[in-house]
């Protein structure tokens, strides 16, 4: 990423923008960084809501993650399938839950 920006997306995120056999992302740096920040922000926003949903609805962690994932796939959410799955995995990581078993 840019020397001017201190944020460096993790490899798990960068993998969505890498073409096999290439060592550079297939999108401009500013696009990749903006998408990463968007996804990271969503995972942080969903953390409290996910815990509340699990408690109030008595749902399994995986079911909560699945519902969050599905919600991110709506037209209004602005996430593609890979990003939604990454957010669900990041959300699990933030909450100390097992990674989702779907996707």
Protein backbone atom coordinates (compact mmCIF):
# COMPACT_ATOMS: atom_id res chain seq x y z
CA UNK A 1 0.00 0.00 0.00
CA UNK A 2 0.97 3.63 -0.19
CA UNK A 3 3.78 4.98 1.96
CA UNK A 4 1.51 7.93 2.82
CA UNK A 5 -1.09 5.65 4.39
CA UNK A 6 -0.34 3.70 7.55
CA UNK A 7 -3.18 1.23 7.02
CA UNK A 8 -2.16 -2.05 5.44
CA UNK A 9 -4.92 -4.53 4.65
CA UNK A 10 -4.23 -8.08 5.84
CA UNK A 11 -3.33 -10.80 3.37
CA UNK A 12 -6.75 -12.38 3.82
CA UNK A 13 -8.31 -9.23 2.38
CA UNK A 14 -5.66 -8.66 -0.28
CA UNK A 15 -6.27 -12.19 -1.60
CA UNK A 16 -9.57 -10.95 -3.05
CA UNK A 17 -7.65 -8.56 -5.29
CA UNK A 18 -4.82 -10.83 -6.35
CA UNK A 19 -4.75 -12.66 -9.66
CA UNK A 20 -2.95 -16.02 -9.45
CA UNK A 21 0.61 -15.72 -10.71
CA UNK A 22 0.71 -11.94 -10.21
CA UNK A 23 2.28 -10.04 -7.33
CA UNK A 24 0.20 -6.85 -7.54
CA UNK A 25 -3.49 -6.28 -6.82
CA UNK A 26 -5.82 -6.18 -9.83
CA UNK A 27 -7.33 -2.88 -8.62
CA UNK A 28 -5.77 0.51 -7.81
CA UNK A 29 -4.35 0.97 -4.31
CA UNK A 30 -6.88 3.63 -3.37
CA UNK A 31 -9.77 1.34 -4.35
CA UNK A 32 -8.41 -1.62 -2.39
CA UNK A 33 -7.75 0.55 0.67
CA UNK A 34 -11.21 2.14 0.51
CA UNK A 35 -12.89 -1.27 0.24
CA UNK A 36 -10.80 -2.60 3.12
CA UNK A 37 -11.76 0.33 5.34
CA UNK A 38 -15.42 -0.15 4.36
CA UNK A 39 -15.30 -3.84 5.26
CA UNK A 40 -13.35 -3.34 8.49
CA UNK A 41 -15.78 -0.61 9.58
CA UNK A 42 -18.75 -2.90 8.88
CA UNK A 43 -17.25 -5.70 10.97
CA UNK A 44 -16.76 -3.29 13.88
CA UNK A 45 -20.30 -1.93 13.53
CA UNK A 46 -21.80 -5.42 13.44
CA UNK A 47 -19.93 -6.68 16.52
CA UNK A 48 -22.35 -5.38 19.16
CA UNK A 49 -25.40 -6.12 17.02
CA UNK A 50 -24.22 -9.70 16.47
CA UNK A 51 -23.76 -10.32 20.18
CA UNK A 52 -27.20 -8.88 20.91
CA UNK A 53 -28.81 -10.98 18.19
CA UNK A 54 -27.17 -14.16 19.49
CA UNK A 55 -28.39 -13.44 23.02
CA UNK A 56 -31.91 -12.15 22.32
CA UNK A 57 -32.79 -14.68 19.61
CA UNK A 58 -30.85 -17.56 21.19
CA UNK A 59 -29.07 -18.20 17.88
CA UNK A 60 -25.83 -20.05 17.30
CA UNK A 61 -22.78 -17.97 16.47
CA UNK A 62 -22.74 -19.47 12.98
CA UNK A 63 -26.40 -18.53 12.40
CA UNK A 64 -25.71 -14.95 13.48
CA UNK A 65 -22.72 -14.74 11.14
CA UNK A 66 -24.81 -16.21 8.32
CA UNK A 67 -27.54 -13.62 8.84
CA UNK A 68 -25.00 -10.81 8.84
CA UNK A 69 -23.46 -12.22 5.66
CA UNK A 70 -26.85 -12.46 3.96
CA UNK A 71 -27.71 -8.91 5.03
CA UNK A 72 -24.55 -7.63 3.37
CA UNK A 73 -25.60 -9.21 0.08
CA UNK A 74 -28.69 -7.03 -0.29
CA UNK A 75 -28.61 -4.43 -3.05
CA UNK A 76 -28.45 -1.55 -0.56
CA UNK A 77 -25.45 -2.94 1.36
CA UNK A 78 -22.70 -2.35 -1.25
CA UNK A 79 -20.71 -5.55 -0.61
CA UNK A 80 -19.87 -8.31 -3.04
CA UNK A 81 -19.93 -11.98 -1.95
CA UNK A 82 -16.20 -12.15 -1.22
CA UNK A 83 -16.28 -8.97 0.85
CA UNK A 84 -19.36 -10.12 2.76
CA UNK A 85 -17.67 -13.41 3.59
CA UNK A 86 -14.49 -11.57 4.67
CA UNK A 87 -16.57 -9.31 6.94
CA UNK A 88 -18.29 -12.36 8.47
CA UNK A 89 -14.91 -13.97 9.13
CA UNK A 90 -13.52 -10.73 10.57
CA UNK A 91 -16.62 -10.36 12.74
CA UNK A 92 -16.07 -13.87 14.11
CA UNK A 93 -12.47 -12.97 14.82
CA UNK A 94 -13.44 -9.76 16.64
CA UNK A 95 -15.95 -11.64 18.80
CA UNK A 96 -13.72 -14.63 19.49
CA UNK A 97 -16.16 -16.92 17.68
CA UNK A 98 -15.38 -19.84 15.38
CA UNK A 99 -15.09 -18.84 11.71
CA UNK A 100 -18.33 -19.26 9.76
CA UNK A 101 -19.00 -22.68 8.27
CA UNK A 102 -20.75 -21.41 5.16
CA UNK A 103 -19.48 -19.66 2.05
